[in-house]
Amino acid sequence: MHSATEDRSELLRACYQNSLRVADGLGAETIAFPLISAGIYRWPVDDAVRQALTVLRTAETDHLRTAYLVLFGPEVAATARTVAGV
Protein backbone atom coordinates (compact mmCIF):
# COMPACT_ATOMS: atom_id res chain seq x y z
CA MET A 1 0.00 0.00 0.00
CA HIS A 2 1.29 3.45 -0.91
CA SER A 3 2.17 5.82 1.91
CA ALA A 4 2.73 9.55 1.65
CA THR A 5 4.98 9.45 4.72
CA GLU A 6 6.98 6.26 4.22
CA ASP A 7 8.96 5.05 1.19
CA ARG A 8 7.64 1.58 0.48
CA SER A 9 9.03 1.26 -3.03
CA GLU A 10 11.43 -1.49 -1.96
CA LEU A 11 8.44 -3.60 -0.86
CA LEU A 12 6.72 -3.03 -4.18
CA ARG A 13 9.84 -4.01 -6.12
CA ALA A 14 10.15 -7.12 -3.93
CA CYS A 15 6.70 -8.26 -5.09
CA TYR A 16 7.95 -8.32 -8.67
CA GLN A 17 11.33 -9.82 -7.74
CA ASN A 18 9.80 -12.66 -5.73
CA SER A 19 7.29 -13.45 -8.46
CA LEU A 20 10.03 -13.51 -11.07
CA ARG A 21 12.13 -15.81 -8.90
CA VAL A 22 9.24 -18.27 -8.46
CA ALA A 23 8.28 -18.21 -12.14
CA ASP A 24 11.88 -18.67 -13.25
CA GLY A 25 12.30 -21.53 -10.78
CA LEU A 26 9.30 -23.22 -12.38
CA GLY A 27 10.90 -22.85 -15.80
CA ALA A 28 8.41 -20.28 -17.09
CA GLU A 29 9.48 -18.35 -20.17
CA THR A 30 6.72 -15.73 -20.02
CA ILE A 31 5.00 -13.92 -17.16
CA ALA A 32 2.28 -11.27 -16.97
CA PHE A 33 1.80 -8.85 -14.08
CA PRO A 34 -0.97 -6.47 -13.18
CA LEU A 35 0.33 -3.07 -12.22
CA ILE A 36 0.72 -4.06 -8.57
CA SER A 37 -0.70 -1.62 -6.00
CA ALA A 38 -1.78 0.98 -8.57
CA GLY A 39 -5.48 0.27 -8.11
CA ILE A 40 -7.16 0.00 -4.76
CA TYR A 41 -3.89 0.59 -2.89
CA ARG A 42 -3.55 3.99 -4.60
CA TRP A 43 0.09 3.81 -5.57
CA PRO A 44 0.65 6.62 -8.10
CA VAL A 45 0.52 5.04 -11.55
CA ASP A 46 3.69 6.68 -12.86
CA ASP A 47 5.73 5.49 -9.89
CA ALA A 48 4.16 2.02 -9.95
CA VAL A 49 5.23 1.69 -13.59
CA ARG A 50 8.70 3.01 -12.74
CA GLN A 51 9.12 0.48 -9.91
CA ALA A 52 7.93 -2.41 -12.09
CA LEU A 53 10.22 -1.46 -14.96
CA THR A 54 13.19 -1.05 -12.63
CA VAL A 55 12.84 -4.70 -11.65
CA LEU A 56 11.84 -6.08 -15.04
CA ARG A 57 14.67 -4.34 -16.88
CA THR A 58 17.36 -5.53 -14.47
CA ALA A 59 16.15 -9.03 -13.60
CA GLU A 60 18.59 -11.84 -14.22
CA THR A 61 16.73 -15.06 -14.97
CA ASP A 62 17.57 -18.40 -16.50
CA HIS A 63 14.28 -19.13 -18.26
CA LEU A 64 12.11 -16.02 -18.35
CA ARG A 65 12.37 -14.14 -21.62
CA THR A 66 9.18 -12.08 -21.76
CA ALA A 67 7.28 -10.10 -19.14
CA TYR A 68 4.03 -8.23 -19.71
CA LEU A 69 2.50 -5.47 -17.63
CA VAL A 70 -1.29 -5.70 -17.82
CA LEU A 71 -2.64 -2.16 -17.64
CA PHE A 72 -6.22 -1.12 -16.97
CA GLY A 73 -7.50 1.47 -19.41
CA PRO A 74 -6.07 3.90 -21.94
CA GLU A 75 -5.03 6.52 -19.38
CA VAL A 76 -2.89 4.05 -17.45
CA ALA A 77 -1.45 2.73 -20.71
CA ALA A 78 -0.56 6.27 -21.83
CA THR A 79 1.16 6.97 -18.52
CA ALA A 80 3.07 3.70 -18.78
CA ARG A 81 4.26 4.53 -22.31
CA THR A 82 5.45 7.95 -21.13
CA VAL A 83 7.34 6.50 -18.16
CA ALA A 84 8.83 3.73 -20.32
CA GLY A 85 9.87 6.21 -22.98
CA VAL A 86 8.01 4.50 -25.81
PDB file of N, CA and C in Angstrom:
ATOM      1  N   MET A   1       0.840  -1.176   0.000  1.00  0.00           N
ATOM      2  CA  MET A   1       0.000   0.000   0.000  1.00  0.00           C
ATOM      3  C   MET A   1       0.886   1.239   0.000  1.00  0.00           C
ATOM      4  N   HIS A   2       0.528   2.212  -0.820  1.00  0.00           N
ATOM      5  CA  HIS A   2       1.290   3.452  -0.908  1.00  0.00           C
ATOM      6  C   HIS A   2       1.137   4.263   0.371  1.00  0.00           C
ATOM      7  N   SER A   3       2.201   4.945   0.742  1.00  0.00           N
ATOM      8  CA  SER A   3       2.173   5.818   1.915  1.00  0.00           C
ATOM      9  C   SER A   3       2.818   7.144   1.546  1.00  0.00           C
ATOM     10  N   ALA A   4       2.177   8.224   1.906  1.00  0.00           N
ATOM     11  CA  ALA A   4       2.735   9.553   1.650  1.00  0.00           C
ATOM     12  C   ALA A   4       3.862   9.883   2.615  1.00  0.00           C
ATOM     13  N   THR A   5       3.976   9.139   3.699  1.00  0.00           N
ATOM     14  CA  THR A   5       4.978   9.455   4.724  1.00  0.00           C
ATOM     15  C   THR A   5       6.104   8.434   4.821  1.00  0.00           C
ATOM     16  N   GLU A   6       5.978   7.316   4.121  1.00  0.00           N
ATOM     17  CA  GLU A   6       6.984   6.256   4.218  1.00  0.00           C
ATOM     18  C   GLU A   6       7.286   5.711   2.825  1.00  0.00           C
ATOM     19  N   ASP A   7       8.571   5.599   2.486  1.00  0.00           N
ATOM     20  CA  ASP A   7       8.961   5.051   1.188  1.00  0.00           C
ATOM     21  C   ASP A   7       8.841   3.529   1.230  1.00  0.00           C
ATOM     22  N   ARG A   8       7.867   3.018   0.519  1.00  0.00           N
ATOM     23  CA  ARG A   8       7.641   1.575   0.483  1.00  0.00           C
ATOM     24  C   ARG A   8       7.973   0.981  -0.883  1.00  0.00           C
ATOM     25  N   SER A   9       8.722   1.728  -1.684  1.00  0.00           N
ATOM     26  CA  SER A   9       9.025   1.264  -3.034  1.00  0.00           C
ATOM     27  C   SER A   9       9.833  -0.030  -3.035  1.00  0.00           C
ATOM     28  N   GLU A  10      10.666  -0.239  -2.028  1.00  0.00           N
ATOM     29  CA  GLU A  10      11.426  -1.491  -1.957  1.00  0.00           C
ATOM     30  C   GLU A  10      10.486  -2.692  -1.797  1.00  0.00           C
ATOM     31  N   LEU A  11       9.425  -2.521  -1.022  1.00  0.00           N
ATOM     32  CA  LEU A  11       8.439  -3.599  -0.861  1.00  0.00           C
ATOM     33  C   LEU A  11       7.713  -3.889  -2.172  1.00  0.00           C
ATOM     34  N   LEU A  12       7.389  -2.839  -2.903  1.00  0.00           N
ATOM     35  CA  LEU A  12       6.718  -3.027  -4.184  1.00  0.00           C
ATOM     36  C   LEU A  12       7.636  -3.759  -5.159  1.00  0.00           C
ATOM     37  N   ARG A  13       8.887  -3.330  -5.235  1.00  0.00           N
ATOM     38  CA  ARG A  13       9.839  -4.012  -6.118  1.00  0.00           C
ATOM     39  C   ARG A  13      10.015  -5.476  -5.712  1.00  0.00           C
ATOM     40  N   ALA A  14      10.000  -5.746  -4.412  1.00  0.00           N
ATOM     41  CA  ALA A  14      10.153  -7.123  -3.928  1.00  0.00           C
ATOM     42  C   ALA A  14       9.012  -8.017  -4.410  1.00  0.00           C
ATOM     43  N   CYS A  15       7.819  -7.465  -4.563  1.00  0.00           N
ATOM     44  CA  CYS A  15       6.698  -8.256  -5.094  1.00  0.00           C
ATOM     45  C   CYS A  15       7.038  -8.784  -6.482  1.00  0.00           C
ATOM     46  N   TYR A  16       7.560  -7.908  -7.323  1.00  0.00           N
ATOM     47  CA  TYR A  16       7.949  -8.322  -8.668  1.00  0.00           C
ATOM     48  C   TYR A  16       9.130  -9.287  -8.619  1.00  0.00           C
ATOM     49  N   GLN A  17      10.139  -8.971  -7.823  1.00  0.00           N
ATOM     50  CA  GLN A  17      11.332  -9.821  -7.740  1.00  0.00           C
ATOM     51  C   GLN A  17      10.984 -11.229  -7.281  1.00  0.00           C
ATOM     52  N   ASN A  18      10.170 -11.340  -6.244  1.00  0.00           N
ATOM     53  CA  ASN A  18       9.799 -12.659  -5.733  1.00  0.00           C
ATOM     54  C   ASN A  18       8.982 -13.444  -6.747  1.00  0.00           C
ATOM     55  N   SER A  19       8.088 -12.772  -7.430  1.00  0.00           N
ATOM     56  CA  SER A  19       7.286 -13.447  -8.458  1.00  0.00           C
ATOM     57  C   SER A  19       8.161 -13.925  -9.610  1.00  0.00           C
ATOM     58  N   LEU A  20       9.109 -13.104 -10.012  1.00  0.00           N
ATOM     59  CA  LEU A  20      10.035 -13.508 -11.074  1.00  0.00           C
ATOM     60  C   LEU A  20      10.859 -14.714 -10.648  1.00  0.00           C
ATOM     61  N   ARG A  21      11.318 -14.704  -9.420  1.00  0.00           N
ATOM     62  CA  ARG A  21      12.127 -15.809  -8.900  1.00  0.00           C
ATOM     63  C   ARG A  21      11.328 -17.122  -8.921  1.00  0.00           C
ATOM     64  N   VAL A  22      10.086 -17.070  -8.465  1.00  0.00           N
ATOM     65  CA  VAL A  22       9.245 -18.274  -8.455  1.00  0.00           C
ATOM     66  C   VAL A  22       8.979 -18.748  -9.882  1.00  0.00           C
ATOM     67  N   ALA A  23       8.585 -17.837 -10.757  1.00  0.00           N
ATOM     68  CA  ALA A  23       8.280 -18.207 -12.140  1.00  0.00           C
ATOM     69  C   ALA A  23       9.505 -18.788 -12.833  1.00  0.00           C
ATOM     70  N   ASP A  24      10.655 -18.172 -12.636  1.00  0.00           N
ATOM     71  CA  ASP A  24      11.880 -18.673 -13.250  1.00  0.00           C
ATOM     72  C   ASP A  24      12.228 -20.053 -12.693  1.00  0.00           C
ATOM     73  N   GLY A  25      12.034 -20.237 -11.400  1.00  0.00           N
ATOM     74  CA  GLY A  25      12.295 -21.533 -10.783  1.00  0.00           C
ATOM     75  C   GLY A  25      11.404 -22.636 -11.325  1.00  0.00           C
ATOM     76  N   LEU A  26      10.230 -22.263 -11.780  1.00  0.00           N
ATOM     77  CA  LEU A  26       9.301 -23.221 -12.378  1.00  0.00           C
ATOM     78  C   LEU A  26       9.583 -23.450 -13.860  1.00  0.00           C
ATOM     79  N   GLY A  27      10.546 -22.703 -14.399  1.00  0.00           N
ATOM     80  CA  GLY A  27      10.895 -22.848 -15.802  1.00  0.00           C
ATOM     81  C   GLY A  27      10.042 -22.038 -16.750  1.00  0.00           C
ATOM     82  N   ALA A  28       9.270 -21.110 -16.231  1.00  0.00           N
ATOM     83  CA  ALA A  28       8.411 -20.277 -17.088  1.00  0.00           C
ATOM     84  C   ALA A  28       9.266 -19.405 -18.001  1.00  0.00           C
ATOM     85  N   GLU A  29       8.797 -19.222 -19.216  1.00  0.00           N
ATOM     86  CA  GLU A  29       9.480 -18.354 -20.166  1.00  0.00           C
ATOM     87  C   GLU A  29       8.786 -17.008 -20.306  1.00  0.00           C
ATOM     88  N   THR A  30       7.522 -16.943 -19.906  1.00  0.00           N
ATOM     89  CA  THR A  30       6.716 -15.730 -20.023  1.00  0.00           C
ATOM     90  C   THR A  30       5.938 -15.526 -18.731  1.00  0.00           C
ATOM     91  N   ILE A  31       5.784 -14.254 -18.352  1.00  0.00           N
ATOM     92  CA  ILE A  31       5.004 -13.916 -17.164  1.00  0.00           C
ATOM     93  C   ILE A  31       4.235 -12.626 -17.447  1.00  0.00           C
ATOM     94  N   ALA A  32       3.074 -12.493 -16.856  1.00  0.00           N
ATOM     95  CA  ALA A  32       2.277 -11.268 -16.969  1.00  0.00           C
ATOM     96  C   ALA A  32       1.947 -10.778 -15.565  1.00  0.00           C
ATOM     97  N   PHE A  33       2.080  -9.482 -15.370  1.00  0.00           N
ATOM     98  CA  PHE A  33       1.803  -8.854 -14.081  1.00  0.00           C
ATOM     99  C   PHE A  33       0.718  -7.801 -14.231  1.00  0.00           C
ATOM    100  N   PRO A  34      -0.166  -7.691 -13.261  1.00  0.00           N
ATOM    101  CA  PRO A  34      -0.974  -6.474 -13.176  1.00  0.00           C
ATOM    102  C   PRO A  34      -0.047  -5.372 -12.668  1.00  0.00           C
ATOM    103  N   LEU A  35      -0.464  -4.161 -12.770  1.00  0.00           N
ATOM    104  CA  LEU A  35       0.334  -3.067 -12.216  1.00  0.00           C
ATOM    105  C   LEU A  35       0.083  -3.057 -10.711  1.00  0.00           C
ATOM    106  N   ILE A  36       0.922  -3.791  -9.996  1.00  0.00           N
ATOM    107  CA  ILE A  36       0.724  -4.063  -8.570  1.00  0.00           C
ATOM    108  C   ILE A  36       0.602  -2.767  -7.768  1.00  0.00           C
ATOM    109  N   SER A  37      -0.410  -2.695  -6.955  1.00  0.00           N
ATOM    110  CA  SER A  37      -0.704  -1.617  -5.997  1.00  0.00           C
ATOM    111  C   SER A  37      -1.220  -0.324  -6.618  1.00  0.00           C
ATOM    112  N   ALA A  38      -1.358  -0.271  -7.939  1.00  0.00           N
ATOM    113  CA  ALA A  38      -1.780   0.980  -8.573  1.00  0.00           C
ATOM    114  C   ALA A  38      -3.296   1.148  -8.604  1.00  0.00           C
ATOM    115  N   GLY A  39      -4.022   0.171  -8.131  1.00  0.00           N
ATOM    116  CA  GLY A  39      -5.478   0.273  -8.112  1.00  0.00           C
ATOM    117  C   GLY A  39      -5.970   0.687  -6.742  1.00  0.00           C
ATOM    118  N   ILE A  40      -6.535  -0.267  -6.051  1.00  0.00           N
ATOM    119  CA  ILE A  40      -7.158   0.005  -4.756  1.00  0.00           C
ATOM    120  C   ILE A  40      -6.159   0.506  -3.710  1.00  0.00           C
ATOM    121  N   TYR A  41      -4.884   0.152  -3.873  1.00  0.00           N
ATOM    122  CA  TYR A  41      -3.889   0.589  -2.888  1.00  0.00           C
ATOM    123  C   TYR A  41      -3.320   1.974  -3.195  1.00  0.00           C
ATOM    124  N   ARG A  42      -3.790   2.572  -4.274  1.00  0.00           N
ATOM    125  CA  ARG A  42      -3.548   3.986  -4.596  1.00  0.00           C
ATOM    126  C   ARG A  42      -2.087   4.376  -4.790  1.00  0.00           C
ATOM    127  N   TRP A  43      -1.283   3.438  -5.235  1.00  0.00           N
ATOM    128  CA  TRP A  43       0.090   3.807  -5.573  1.00  0.00           C
ATOM    129  C   TRP A  43       0.010   4.663  -6.831  1.00  0.00           C
ATOM    130  N   PRO A  44       0.701   5.791  -6.892  1.00  0.00           N
ATOM    131  CA  PRO A  44       0.655   6.619  -8.102  1.00  0.00           C
ATOM    132  C   PRO A  44       1.088   5.808  -9.330  1.00  0.00           C
ATOM    133  N   VAL A  45       0.298   5.879 -10.379  1.00  0.00           N
ATOM    134  CA  VAL A  45       0.525   5.040 -11.550  1.00  0.00           C
ATOM    135  C   VAL A  45       1.921   5.232 -12.120  1.00  0.00           C
ATOM    136  N   ASP A  46       2.373   6.473 -12.260  1.00  0.00           N
ATOM    137  CA  ASP A  46       3.689   6.683 -12.859  1.00  0.00           C
ATOM    138  C   ASP A  46       4.789   6.024 -12.036  1.00  0.00           C
ATOM    139  N   ASP A  47       4.708   6.115 -10.727  1.00  0.00           N
ATOM    140  CA  ASP A  47       5.734   5.492  -9.894  1.00  0.00           C
ATOM    141  C   ASP A  47       5.582   3.974  -9.870  1.00  0.00           C
ATOM    142  N   ALA A  48       4.357   3.467  -9.899  1.00  0.00           N
ATOM    143  CA  ALA A  48       4.155   2.015  -9.950  1.00  0.00           C
ATOM    144  C   ALA A  48       4.782   1.436 -11.216  1.00  0.00           C
ATOM    145  N   VAL A  49       4.605   2.120 -12.336  1.00  0.00           N
ATOM    146  CA  VAL A  49       5.233   1.691 -13.590  1.00  0.00           C
ATOM    147  C   VAL A  49       6.748   1.757 -13.452  1.00  0.00           C
ATOM    148  N   ARG A  50       7.248   2.840 -12.913  1.00  0.00           N
ATOM    149  CA  ARG A  50       8.696   3.011 -12.736  1.00  0.00           C
ATOM    150  C   ARG A  50       9.286   1.885 -11.887  1.00  0.00           C
ATOM    151  N   GLN A  51       8.621   1.548 -10.789  1.00  0.00           N
ATOM    152  CA  GLN A  51       9.118   0.480  -9.911  1.00  0.00           C
ATOM    153  C   GLN A  51       9.097  -0.870 -10.634  1.00  0.00           C
ATOM    154  N   ALA A  52       8.020  -1.148 -11.350  1.00  0.00           N
ATOM    155  CA  ALA A  52       7.929  -2.410 -12.094  1.00  0.00           C
ATOM    156  C   ALA A  52       9.025  -2.502 -13.144  1.00  0.00           C
ATOM    157  N   LEU A  53       9.209  -1.436 -13.905  1.00  0.00           N
ATOM    158  CA  LEU A  53      10.221  -1.460 -14.963  1.00  0.00           C
ATOM    159  C   LEU A  53      11.632  -1.552 -14.407  1.00  0.00           C
ATOM    160  N   THR A  54      11.867  -0.948 -13.263  1.00  0.00           N
ATOM    161  CA  THR A  54      13.185  -1.052 -12.629  1.00  0.00           C
ATOM    162  C   THR A  54      13.543  -2.514 -12.406  1.00  0.00           C
ATOM    163  N   VAL A  55      12.593  -3.277 -11.900  1.00  0.00           N
ATOM    164  CA  VAL A  55      12.840  -4.703 -11.649  1.00  0.00           C
ATOM    165  C   VAL A  55      12.894  -5.486 -12.955  1.00  0.00           C
ATOM    166  N   LEU A  56      11.920  -5.279 -13.819  1.00  0.00           N
ATOM    167  CA  LEU A  56      11.836  -6.081 -15.037  1.00  0.00           C
ATOM    168  C   LEU A  56      13.018  -5.845 -15.966  1.00  0.00           C
ATOM    169  N   ARG A  57      13.538  -4.649 -15.995  1.00  0.00           N
ATOM    170  CA  ARG A  57      14.670  -4.340 -16.877  1.00  0.00           C
ATOM    171  C   ARG A  57      16.002  -4.855 -16.343  1.00  0.00           C
ATOM    172  N   THR A  58      16.087  -5.113 -15.062  1.00  0.00           N
ATOM    173  CA  THR A  58      17.365  -5.527 -14.474  1.00  0.00           C
ATOM    174  C   THR A  58      17.368  -6.973 -13.990  1.00  0.00           C
ATOM    175  N   ALA A  59      16.254  -7.655 -14.106  1.00  0.00           N
ATOM    176  CA  ALA A  59      16.150  -9.029 -13.600  1.00  0.00           C
ATOM    177  C   ALA A  59      17.080  -9.962 -14.368  1.00  0.00           C
ATOM    178  N   GLU A  60      17.748 -10.803 -13.624  1.00  0.00           N
ATOM    179  CA  GLU A  60      18.586 -11.840 -14.219  1.00  0.00           C
ATOM    180  C   GLU A  60      17.896 -13.174 -13.981  1.00  0.00           C
ATOM    181  N   THR A  61      17.472 -13.798 -15.067  1.00  0.00           N
ATOM    182  CA  THR A  61      16.735 -15.055 -14.965  1.00  0.00           C
ATOM    183  C   THR A  61      17.336 -16.075 -15.919  1.00  0.00           C
ATOM    184  N   ASP A  62      17.082 -17.328 -15.639  1.00  0.00           N
ATOM    185  CA  ASP A  62      17.573 -18.403 -16.501  1.00  0.00           C
ATOM    186  C   ASP A  62      16.586 -18.763 -17.602  1.00  0.00           C
ATOM    187  N   HIS A  63      15.299 -18.662 -17.316  1.00  0.00           N
ATOM    188  CA  HIS A  63      14.283 -19.135 -18.257  1.00  0.00           C
ATOM    189  C   HIS A  63      13.377 -18.028 -18.786  1.00  0.00           C
ATOM    190  N   LEU A  64      13.043 -17.080 -17.943  1.00  0.00           N
ATOM    191  CA  LEU A  64      12.113 -16.017 -18.352  1.00  0.00           C
ATOM    192  C   LEU A  64      12.715 -15.163 -19.457  1.00  0.00           C
ATOM    193  N   ARG A  65      11.925 -14.956 -20.495  1.00  0.00           N
ATOM    194  CA  ARG A  65      12.367 -14.137 -21.624  1.00  0.00           C
ATOM    195  C   ARG A  65      11.431 -12.960 -21.885  1.00  0.00           C
ATOM    196  N   THR A  66      10.168 -13.102 -21.466  1.00  0.00           N
ATOM    197  CA  THR A  66       9.177 -12.077 -21.763  1.00  0.00           C
ATOM    198  C   THR A  66       8.341 -11.797 -20.523  1.00  0.00           C
ATOM    199  N   ALA A  67       8.159 -10.512 -20.243  1.00  0.00           N
ATOM    200  CA  ALA A  67       7.285 -10.097 -19.143  1.00  0.00           C
ATOM    201  C   ALA A  67       6.321  -9.044 -19.673  1.00  0.00           C
ATOM    202  N   TYR A  68       5.068  -9.179 -19.312  1.00  0.00           N
ATOM    203  CA  TYR A  68       4.032  -8.232 -19.706  1.00  0.00           C
ATOM    204  C   TYR A  68       3.507  -7.507 -18.478  1.00  0.00           C
ATOM    205  N   LEU A  69       3.245  -6.225 -18.630  1.00  0.00           N
ATOM    206  CA  LEU A  69       2.495  -5.472 -17.630  1.00  0.00           C
ATOM    207  C   LEU A  69       1.080  -5.325 -18.170  1.00  0.00           C
ATOM    208  N   VAL A  70       0.118  -5.788 -17.418  1.00  0.00           N
ATOM    209  CA  VAL A  70      -1.285  -5.698 -17.816  1.00  0.00           C
ATOM    210  C   VAL A  70      -1.840  -4.415 -17.213  1.00  0.00           C
ATOM    211  N   LEU A  71      -2.228  -3.496 -18.077  1.00  0.00           N
ATOM    212  CA  LEU A  71      -2.637  -2.159 -17.644  1.00  0.00           C
ATOM    213  C   LEU A  71      -4.130  -1.970 -17.861  1.00  0.00           C
ATOM    214  N   PHE A  72      -4.776  -1.304 -16.922  1.00  0.00           N
ATOM    215  CA  PHE A  72      -6.219  -1.123 -16.972  1.00  0.00           C
ATOM    216  C   PHE A  72      -6.565   0.243 -17.551  1.00  0.00           C
ATOM    217  N   GLY A  73      -6.984   0.256 -18.784  1.00  0.00           N
ATOM    218  CA  GLY A  73      -7.499   1.467 -19.407  1.00  0.00           C
ATOM    219  C   GLY A  73      -6.468   2.278 -20.161  1.00  0.00           C
ATOM    220  N   PRO A  74      -6.958   3.109 -21.081  1.00  0.00           N
ATOM    221  CA  PRO A  74      -6.074   3.895 -21.941  1.00  0.00           C
ATOM    222  C   PRO A  74      -5.264   4.952 -21.195  1.00  0.00           C
ATOM    223  N   GLU A  75      -5.792   5.512 -20.124  1.00  0.00           N
ATOM    224  CA  GLU A  75      -5.035   6.525 -19.375  1.00  0.00           C
ATOM    225  C   GLU A  75      -3.823   5.910 -18.694  1.00  0.00           C
ATOM    226  N   VAL A  76      -4.007   4.747 -18.099  1.00  0.00           N
ATOM    227  CA  VAL A  76      -2.893   4.052 -17.448  1.00  0.00           C
ATOM    228  C   VAL A  76      -1.876   3.626 -18.504  1.00  0.00           C
ATOM    229  N   ALA A  77      -2.349   3.138 -19.636  1.00  0.00           N
ATOM    230  CA  ALA A  77      -1.445   2.733 -20.714  1.00  0.00           C
ATOM    231  C   ALA A  77      -0.643   3.923 -21.232  1.00  0.00           C
ATOM    232  N   ALA A  78      -1.271   5.074 -21.377  1.00  0.00           N
ATOM    233  CA  ALA A  78      -0.563   6.274 -21.834  1.00  0.00           C
ATOM    234  C   ALA A  78       0.503   6.691 -20.829  1.00  0.00           C
ATOM    235  N   THR A  79       0.179   6.645 -19.554  1.00  0.00           N
ATOM    236  CA  THR A  79       1.156   6.974 -18.517  1.00  0.00           C
ATOM    237  C   THR A  79       2.318   5.995 -18.566  1.00  0.00           C
ATOM    238  N   ALA A  80       2.023   4.718 -18.725  1.00  0.00           N
ATOM    239  CA  ALA A  80       3.074   3.698 -18.783  1.00  0.00           C
ATOM    240  C   ALA A  80       3.992   3.925 -19.978  1.00  0.00           C
ATOM    241  N   ARG A  81       3.425   4.267 -21.129  1.00  0.00           N
ATOM    242  CA  ARG A  81       4.258   4.534 -22.307  1.00  0.00           C
ATOM    243  C   ARG A  81       5.163   5.734 -22.067  1.00  0.00           C
ATOM    244  N   THR A  82       4.643   6.763 -21.432  1.00  0.00           N
ATOM    245  CA  THR A  82       5.450   7.948 -21.131  1.00  0.00           C
ATOM    246  C   THR A  82       6.597   7.595 -20.202  1.00  0.00           C
ATOM    247  N   VAL A  83       6.302   6.884 -19.128  1.00  0.00           N
ATOM    248  CA  VAL A  83       7.336   6.504 -18.162  1.00  0.00           C
ATOM    249  C   VAL A  83       8.376   5.601 -18.820  1.00  0.00           C
ATOM    250  N   ALA A  84       7.919   4.676 -19.665  1.00  0.00           N
ATOM    251  CA  ALA A  84       8.828   3.732 -20.319  1.00  0.00           C
ATOM    252  C   ALA A  84       9.616   4.375 -21.449  1.00  0.00           C
ATOM    253  N   GLY A  85       9.178   5.532 -21.893  1.00  0.00           N
ATOM    254  CA  GLY A  85       9.873   6.210 -22.983  1.00  0.00           C
ATOM    255  C   GLY A  85       9.593   5.602 -24.345  1.00  0.00           C
ATOM    256  N   VAL A  86       8.374   5.076 -24.509  1.00  0.00           N
ATOM    257  CA  VAL A  86       8.010   4.498 -25.813  1.00  0.00           C
ATOM    258  C   VAL A  86       6.774   5.179 -26.371  1.00  0.00           C
TER     259      VAL A  86
END
